[in-house]
Protein backbone atom coordinates (compact mmCIF):
# COMPACT_ATOMS: atom_id res chain seq x y z
CA MET A 1 -190.59 -59.11 127.98
CA ASP A 2 -189.20 -57.10 125.07
CA ASP A 3 -185.41 -57.24 124.86
CA GLU A 4 -182.77 -57.92 122.26
CA THR A 5 -183.95 -61.46 121.58
CA THR A 6 -187.64 -61.55 122.47
CA ALA A 7 -190.65 -59.31 122.27
CA SER A 8 -194.03 -59.10 123.92
CA VAL A 9 -197.03 -60.68 122.23
CA CYS A 10 -199.45 -59.02 124.65
CA THR A 11 -198.02 -55.51 124.30
CA PRO A 12 -196.33 -55.34 120.88
CA ARG A 13 -194.32 -52.33 119.84
CA LEU A 14 -196.09 -49.77 117.62
CA PHE A 15 -194.57 -48.30 114.47
CA HIS A 16 -195.61 -45.37 112.29
CA ILE A 17 -194.60 -46.08 108.69
CA ASP A 18 -195.92 -43.44 106.29
CA SER A 19 -199.61 -42.99 107.16
CA CYS A 20 -200.05 -46.41 108.79
CA ARG A 21 -199.54 -47.81 112.31
CA TYR A 22 -198.13 -51.32 112.69
CA ARG A 23 -197.84 -53.68 115.66
CA SER A 24 -194.67 -55.75 115.83
CA ASN A 25 -193.73 -58.47 118.30
CA LEU A 26 -190.41 -59.13 116.59
CA PRO A 27 -187.15 -58.26 118.37
CA PRO A 28 -185.91 -54.72 117.63
CA LEU A 29 -183.59 -54.48 114.61
CA LYS A 30 -179.95 -53.61 115.04
CA SER A 31 -178.24 -51.19 112.70
CA GLY A 32 -176.86 -53.14 109.81
CA ASP A 33 -179.57 -55.82 109.90
CA VAL A 34 -181.72 -54.09 107.28
CA LEU A 35 -180.60 -53.99 103.64
CA PRO A 36 -182.13 -51.92 100.84
CA TYR A 37 -185.00 -53.58 99.02
CA TYR A 38 -184.54 -53.73 95.25
CA GLU A 39 -187.45 -55.40 93.53
CA TYR A 40 -189.68 -52.82 91.93
CA ASP A 41 -188.92 -49.89 89.66
CA ASP A 42 -189.67 -46.20 89.73
CA ASP A 43 -193.32 -46.81 88.88
CA ALA A 44 -193.74 -47.33 92.62
CA MET A 45 -193.90 -43.57 92.94
CA ASN A 46 -197.42 -43.77 91.57
CA VAL A 47 -198.59 -45.11 94.95
CA GLU A 48 -196.69 -42.63 97.12
CA THR A 49 -198.56 -41.14 100.07
CA ASP A 50 -198.73 -37.46 100.95
CA ILE A 51 -196.61 -38.07 104.05
CA ASP A 52 -192.91 -37.48 103.40
CA PRO A 53 -193.20 -38.06 99.61
CA ILE A 54 -190.20 -38.94 97.46
CA VAL A 55 -189.71 -36.58 94.53
CA LYS A 56 -187.36 -36.56 91.54
CA ASN A 57 -185.42 -33.54 90.34
CA GLU A 58 -185.85 -33.79 86.58
CA GLU A 59 -182.78 -31.65 85.93
CA THR A 60 -180.32 -33.60 88.09
CA GLY A 61 -182.05 -36.98 88.20
CA ILE A 62 -181.62 -37.02 92.00
CA TYR A 63 -184.41 -38.41 94.18
CA SER A 64 -185.08 -36.74 97.53
CA CYS A 65 -187.39 -36.95 100.50
CA ASN A 66 -187.97 -34.20 103.06
CA ILE A 67 -189.07 -36.08 106.21
CA LYS A 68 -191.08 -33.92 108.58
CA SER A 69 -193.08 -36.67 110.28
CA ILE A 70 -190.21 -37.83 112.51
CA PRO A 71 -190.24 -35.94 115.85
CA GLY A 72 -187.20 -33.82 116.62
CA ALA A 73 -186.71 -35.76 119.86
CA CYS A 74 -185.69 -38.76 117.72
CA TYR A 75 -182.97 -36.98 115.76
CA ARG A 76 -180.18 -37.88 118.15
CA PHE A 77 -180.94 -41.58 117.69
CA ILE A 78 -180.91 -41.22 113.93
CA ILE A 79 -177.56 -39.42 114.07
CA GLY A 80 -176.03 -41.75 116.67
CA GLN A 81 -172.87 -41.22 118.68
CA GLY A 82 -170.45 -39.27 116.55
CA GLY A 83 -172.82 -39.66 113.60
CA SER A 84 -172.30 -43.44 113.57
CA THR A 85 -175.92 -44.48 112.95
CA LYS A 86 -176.38 -41.92 110.20
CA LYS A 87 -173.22 -43.11 108.44
CA ILE A 88 -174.29 -46.76 108.60
CA VAL A 89 -177.72 -46.01 107.11
CA GLU A 90 -176.18 -43.85 104.39
CA LYS A 91 -173.75 -46.61 103.45
CA ASP A 92 -176.35 -49.38 103.52
CA THR A 93 -178.88 -47.45 101.40
CA ASN A 94 -176.49 -45.54 99.14
CA THR A 95 -177.98 -42.20 100.18
CA ARG A 96 -177.02 -38.93 101.80
CA ILE A 97 -178.87 -37.77 104.95
CA SER A 98 -179.04 -34.18 106.11
CA VAL A 99 -180.53 -33.44 109.53
CA GLN A 100 -181.81 -29.89 109.92
CA SER A 101 -182.93 -28.48 113.24
CA THR A 102 -183.02 -24.74 113.87
CA THR A 103 -184.95 -24.95 117.12
CA ARG A 104 -185.05 -27.55 119.80
CA GLY A 105 -188.34 -29.43 119.73
CA GLU A 106 -190.70 -29.07 122.64
CA ARG A 107 -191.05 -32.26 124.60
CA GLY A 108 -194.06 -34.18 123.39
CA GLN A 109 -194.58 -32.26 120.18
CA GLY A 110 -193.94 -33.81 116.81
CA LYS A 111 -191.94 -30.88 115.53
CA LYS A 112 -191.22 -27.28 116.43
CA GLY A 113 -189.60 -24.66 114.29
CA ASN A 114 -187.81 -25.65 111.09
CA GLU A 115 -186.98 -29.31 111.70
CA SER A 116 -186.63 -31.90 108.97
CA ILE A 117 -184.49 -34.72 107.63
CA ILE A 118 -183.58 -34.62 103.95
CA ILE A 119 -182.61 -37.82 102.12
CA GLU A 120 -180.99 -37.74 98.69
CA GLY A 121 -180.15 -40.69 96.44
CA GLN A 122 -179.63 -41.87 92.90
CA SER A 123 -182.81 -43.99 92.81
CA PHE A 124 -186.29 -44.05 94.25
CA ASN A 125 -185.59 -47.43 95.85
CA ASP A 126 -182.52 -46.17 97.69
CA VAL A 127 -184.36 -43.18 99.13
CA GLU A 128 -187.39 -45.26 100.12
CA ALA A 129 -185.19 -47.85 101.86
CA CYS A 130 -183.49 -45.06 103.80
CA ARG A 131 -186.79 -43.40 104.70
CA THR A 132 -188.22 -46.67 106.05
CA ARG A 133 -185.03 -47.34 108.00
CA LEU A 134 -185.13 -43.91 109.66
CA GLN A 135 -188.82 -44.27 110.50
CA CYS A 136 -188.11 -47.60 112.19
CA ILE A 137 -185.23 -46.11 114.18
CA ALA A 138 -187.46 -43.24 115.30
CA GLU A 139 -190.36 -45.47 116.34
CA ASP A 140 -188.07 -47.84 118.22
CA ALA A 141 -186.63 -44.84 120.08
CA ILE A 142 -190.11 -43.61 121.01
CA GLN A 143 -191.19 -47.02 122.30
CA LYS A 144 -188.03 -47.97 124.17
CA LYS A 145 -185.89 -44.89 124.92
CA LEU A 146 -187.89 -41.67 125.08
CA ALA A 147 -189.84 -40.60 128.15
CA PRO A 148 -193.64 -40.24 128.27
CA THR A 149 -194.95 -36.86 127.15
CA HIS A 150 -198.52 -36.89 128.49
CA PHE A 151 -200.76 -38.61 131.02
CA VAL A 152 -204.48 -38.88 131.66
CA SER A 153 -205.22 -37.40 135.06
CA VAL A 154 -208.03 -36.64 137.47
CA PRO A 155 -207.23 -33.41 139.38
CA LEU A 156 -207.63 -33.53 143.15
CA ASN A 157 -206.01 -30.17 143.91
CA PHE A 158 -208.97 -28.79 145.82
CA PRO A 159 -208.58 -26.59 148.95
CA GLU A 160 -209.53 -29.39 151.36
CA GLN A 161 -207.00 -31.82 149.87
CA LYS A 162 -204.26 -29.17 149.73
CA ASP A 163 -204.76 -28.31 153.40
CA SER A 164 -204.84 -32.02 154.29
CA ILE A 165 -201.52 -32.72 152.58
CA ALA A 166 -199.91 -29.94 154.62
CA ALA A 167 -201.49 -31.35 157.80
CA PHE A 168 -200.30 -34.86 156.93
CA LYS A 169 -196.75 -33.61 156.50
CA ASP A 170 -196.89 -31.78 159.83
CA MET A 171 -198.27 -34.89 161.55
CA ILE A 172 -195.34 -36.97 160.32
CA ALA A 173 -192.90 -34.41 161.73
CA ALA A 174 -194.77 -34.28 165.06
CA THR A 175 -195.16 -38.04 165.40
CA PHE A 176 -191.52 -39.06 164.99
CA SER A 177 -188.78 -37.52 167.05
CA GLU A 178 -186.10 -38.94 164.76
CA GLU A 179 -185.86 -38.41 161.05
CA ILE A 180 -187.28 -41.16 158.88
CA LYS A 181 -184.48 -42.80 156.96
CA GLY A 182 -184.25 -41.51 153.41
CA LEU A 183 -187.21 -39.10 153.67
CA HIS A 184 -186.65 -35.50 152.56
CA ASP A 185 -188.97 -32.50 152.44
CA ASP A 186 -188.67 -32.10 148.67
CA MET A 187 -190.15 -35.59 148.16
CA PHE A 188 -193.61 -34.32 149.14
CA VAL A 189 -195.72 -33.40 146.14
CA ASP A 190 -196.74 -29.83 145.43
CA SER A 191 -200.38 -29.92 146.53
CA ASP A 192 -201.33 -27.81 143.49
CA SER A 193 -200.50 -30.87 141.37
CA PHE A 194 -202.35 -33.45 143.50
CA HIS A 195 -204.09 -35.92 141.17
CA VAL A 196 -204.88 -39.49 140.18
CA THR A 197 -202.85 -40.78 137.24
CA VAL A 198 -204.90 -43.02 134.96
CA GLY A 199 -202.01 -43.83 132.64
CA VAL A 200 -198.97 -42.32 130.91
CA LEU A 201 -198.60 -41.80 127.18
CA LYS A 202 -195.92 -41.20 124.57
CA LEU A 203 -197.48 -38.78 122.11
CA TYR A 204 -194.59 -37.71 119.91
CA HIS A 205 -196.74 -37.64 116.77
CA GLN A 206 -199.46 -35.06 116.33
CA GLY A 207 -201.70 -37.83 115.04
CA ASP A 208 -201.34 -39.63 118.36
CA VAL A 209 -202.25 -36.46 120.26
CA GLU A 210 -205.42 -36.17 118.18
CA LEU A 211 -206.20 -39.87 118.72
CA ALA A 212 -205.74 -39.47 122.48
CA ILE A 213 -208.11 -36.49 122.56
CA GLN A 214 -210.72 -38.38 120.56
CA THR A 215 -210.37 -41.43 122.82
CA LEU A 216 -210.75 -39.35 125.98
CA GLU A 217 -213.90 -37.73 124.60
CA GLU A 218 -215.35 -41.16 123.84
CA CYS A 219 -214.45 -42.40 127.32
CA ALA A 220 -216.13 -39.39 128.93
CA GLN A 221 -219.39 -40.27 127.21
CA GLU A 222 -219.18 -43.83 128.56
CA ILE A 223 -218.30 -42.67 132.07
CA LYS A 224 -221.23 -40.27 132.17
CA LYS A 225 -223.50 -43.30 131.86
CA LEU A 226 -222.01 -44.61 135.12
CA LEU A 227 -222.20 -41.33 137.03
CA VAL A 228 -225.97 -41.05 136.97
CA ASP A 229 -226.20 -39.36 140.37
CA ASP A 230 -224.33 -36.34 141.75
CA SER A 231 -223.04 -38.50 144.60
CA HIS A 232 -221.26 -40.72 142.09
CA HIS A 233 -218.93 -37.83 141.27
CA VAL A 234 -217.70 -37.67 144.87
CA VAL A 235 -214.64 -39.63 145.97
CA ALA A 236 -213.13 -40.07 149.41
CA VAL A 237 -209.38 -39.59 149.71
CA LYS A 238 -208.53 -41.60 152.81
CA GLY A 239 -205.83 -44.02 153.93
CA ILE A 240 -202.34 -44.53 152.56
CA GLY A 241 -200.23 -47.19 150.87
CA SER A 242 -196.80 -47.53 149.32
CA PHE A 243 -194.98 -48.70 146.22
CA PRO A 244 -193.37 -51.16 146.03
CA VAL A 245 -195.98 -52.95 148.11
CA GLU A 246 -193.76 -55.86 149.07
CA ASN A 247 -191.02 -53.83 150.80
CA ALA A 248 -192.05 -50.70 152.72
CA ALA A 249 -188.48 -50.33 154.00
CA LYS A 250 -187.49 -49.32 150.47
CA THR A 251 -190.37 -47.15 149.38
CA ASN A 252 -190.42 -45.07 146.21
CA VAL A 253 -193.95 -43.69 146.47
CA LEU A 254 -196.36 -43.09 149.34
CA TRP A 255 -199.90 -42.58 148.10
CA ALA A 256 -203.45 -41.85 149.25
CA ASN A 257 -206.31 -44.19 148.52
CA VAL A 258 -209.17 -42.79 146.38
CA VAL A 259 -212.58 -44.51 146.44
CA SER A 260 -216.17 -43.69 145.57
CA ASN A 261 -219.46 -44.75 147.11
CA PRO A 262 -220.64 -47.16 145.78
CA SER A 263 -216.98 -48.14 145.72
CA PRO A 264 -216.68 -49.81 142.27
CA ILE A 265 -217.91 -46.78 140.30
CA PHE A 266 -214.71 -44.72 140.29
CA GLN A 267 -212.56 -47.81 139.65
CA ASN A 268 -214.82 -48.87 136.78
CA ALA A 269 -214.70 -45.38 135.30
CA MET A 270 -210.91 -45.30 135.35
CA ASN A 271 -210.74 -48.80 133.86
CA ILE A 272 -212.92 -47.63 130.96
CA ILE A 273 -210.23 -45.07 130.10
CA ALA A 274 -207.31 -47.46 130.48
CA ALA A 275 -208.99 -50.17 128.40
CA ALA A 276 -209.85 -47.76 125.59
CA PHE A 277 -206.36 -46.24 125.42
CA HIS A 278 -204.75 -49.67 125.64
CA ALA A 279 -206.90 -50.99 122.78
CA LYS A 280 -205.63 -48.16 120.58
CA GLY A 281 -202.00 -48.80 121.50
CA LEU A 282 -201.61 -45.62 123.55
CA MET A 283 -201.25 -47.16 127.04
CA ASP A 284 -199.40 -50.23 128.26
CA GLU A 285 -201.96 -51.30 130.86
CA ASP A 286 -205.69 -51.87 130.46
CA THR A 287 -206.58 -51.43 134.15
CA VAL A 288 -205.72 -48.81 136.75
CA VAL A 289 -204.24 -49.08 140.24
CA ILE A 290 -205.94 -45.99 141.62
CA HIS A 291 -203.80 -43.83 143.87
CA ALA A 292 -202.89 -40.19 144.47
CA THR A 293 -199.20 -39.67 145.15
CA ILE A 294 -198.24 -37.78 148.32
CA ILE A 295 -194.52 -38.55 148.52
CA ASN A 296 -192.30 -39.49 145.57
CA SER A 297 -188.60 -40.13 146.10
CA LYS A 298 -187.73 -39.17 142.52
CA HIS A 299 -188.49 -35.54 143.39
CA HIS A 300 -185.45 -35.41 145.67
CA LYS A 301 -182.72 -33.35 144.06
CA GLN A 302 -179.32 -35.00 144.01
CA LYS A 303 -175.92 -34.10 142.65
CA GLY A 304 -174.33 -35.80 139.72
CA ARG A 305 -175.27 -36.29 136.09
CA TYR A 306 -176.97 -39.64 136.58
CA PRO A 307 -177.98 -39.79 140.26
CA LYS A 308 -179.40 -43.04 141.54
CA ARG A 309 -182.94 -42.82 142.86
CA ILE A 310 -182.99 -43.09 146.63
CA GLN A 311 -185.69 -44.83 148.65
CA PHE A 312 -187.12 -44.10 152.07
CA ASP A 313 -188.32 -46.26 154.94
CA ALA A 314 -192.11 -45.95 155.20
CA ARG A 315 -192.65 -48.73 157.75
CA ALA A 316 -193.11 -46.39 160.71
CA ILE A 317 -195.59 -44.20 158.81
CA LEU A 318 -197.64 -47.18 157.63
CA SER A 319 -197.72 -48.73 161.10
CA ASP A 320 -198.99 -45.56 162.80
CA GLU A 321 -202.77 -45.83 163.10
CA ALA A 322 -203.49 -42.11 162.74
CA LEU A 323 -201.26 -41.68 159.70
CA CYS A 324 -202.29 -44.93 158.04
CA GLY A 325 -205.97 -43.95 158.21
CA PHE A 326 -205.44 -40.24 157.54
CA ASP A 327 -208.49 -38.59 155.96
CA PHE A 328 -207.65 -36.15 153.15
CA GLY A 329 -211.32 -35.27 152.68
CA ARG A 330 -213.80 -35.64 149.86
CA ALA A 331 -213.43 -34.35 146.33
CA THR A 332 -215.78 -33.97 143.38
CA VAL A 333 -214.53 -35.50 140.14
CA ALA A 334 -215.68 -33.01 137.51
CA THR A 335 -213.11 -33.23 134.72
CA LEU A 336 -210.64 -35.53 132.99
CA HIS A 337 -207.36 -34.05 131.77
CA LEU A 338 -205.00 -35.07 129.03
CA SER A 339 -202.04 -33.45 130.76
CA LYS A 340 -198.59 -32.61 129.48
CA MET A 341 -195.60 -33.68 131.53
CA LYS A 342 -194.81 -30.12 132.55
CA ARG A 343 -196.15 -27.45 134.83
CA ASN A 344 -195.21 -24.25 136.60
CA LYS A 345 -194.74 -24.19 140.36
CA GLY A 346 -198.01 -23.50 142.13
CA GLU A 347 -200.06 -24.63 139.14
CA TYR A 348 -201.57 -27.83 137.83
CA TYR A 349 -200.07 -29.66 134.86
CA GLU A 350 -200.49 -27.91 131.52
CA PRO A 351 -203.53 -29.40 129.77
CA GLU A 352 -203.52 -30.70 126.22
CA PHE A 353 -207.25 -31.27 126.51
CA ILE A 354 -209.94 -31.16 129.23
CA VAL A 355 -213.30 -32.89 129.12
CA GLU A 356 -216.10 -32.41 131.63
CA LEU A 357 -217.96 -35.31 133.24
């Protein structure tokens, strides 16, 4: 649990400060809790890093820092409602902050266009205290407030699976004379996006994108050692289940089961990925609950600015023998994708990186 008073020891929050990554299991700081640190003098500039360096204008004596490492998606948290957070940090650190953004950053990219935050102050210490404060605000926002940008996926959008999803949908309509409570047509996935999700990621820093690519390449080499026979690449997509498991009357997701023969191979391969990404602080979980989503209630379009997610009653579907054991066919696992959280209709998710198995 990671709330206002406690934090998780098992899954600590990650922070990017200058060129380093830190793990913290302390409660998140509130604005006003951090005061400037005044202990060393301007000689500290001798150990400055190349990331967001602090420089001195010899003519004016003003110190400044042009921060480009903070993703544009974090700017609104640095500014705060009505500029409140920005004003507090400026007052506490005796600095002036200027947020510049000429283009809206693309989701999941560190920066796009001419985006930067400029800090100005009378001393090196003031500017450094402000820079650290803003970096902490940004990292806390990434960990706790911003949505995932990427996910590791195994595509299953092959012709046989696409045809089977359409047949499964038709079978539901033919089996039940009355509408299933809460179920809507737009909840069914676009079969062009059919996949197994290994884990979701928040890659707001370009360095994290590069680390994720490197990690996926390393995992592919390990997985190839498991898939020693062509048959090990083949998975069967058969049978269904639901989330949450404990209450099918209030289902969010209906999914297809995906297994290999011998059965542990595909599970072990996916666990290799999750464990590696988790060890590097990129994923929350170190194991995978393998499933391929068929129906997701969050896809249902509703009115209102903050619509509440609706749930559907999957009990009748799960209790029908033909539907519960529905065979979506076999698929060959040939690639792993580091996918972006965006796609065009009729296409698979935009890839950040693809590695062959």
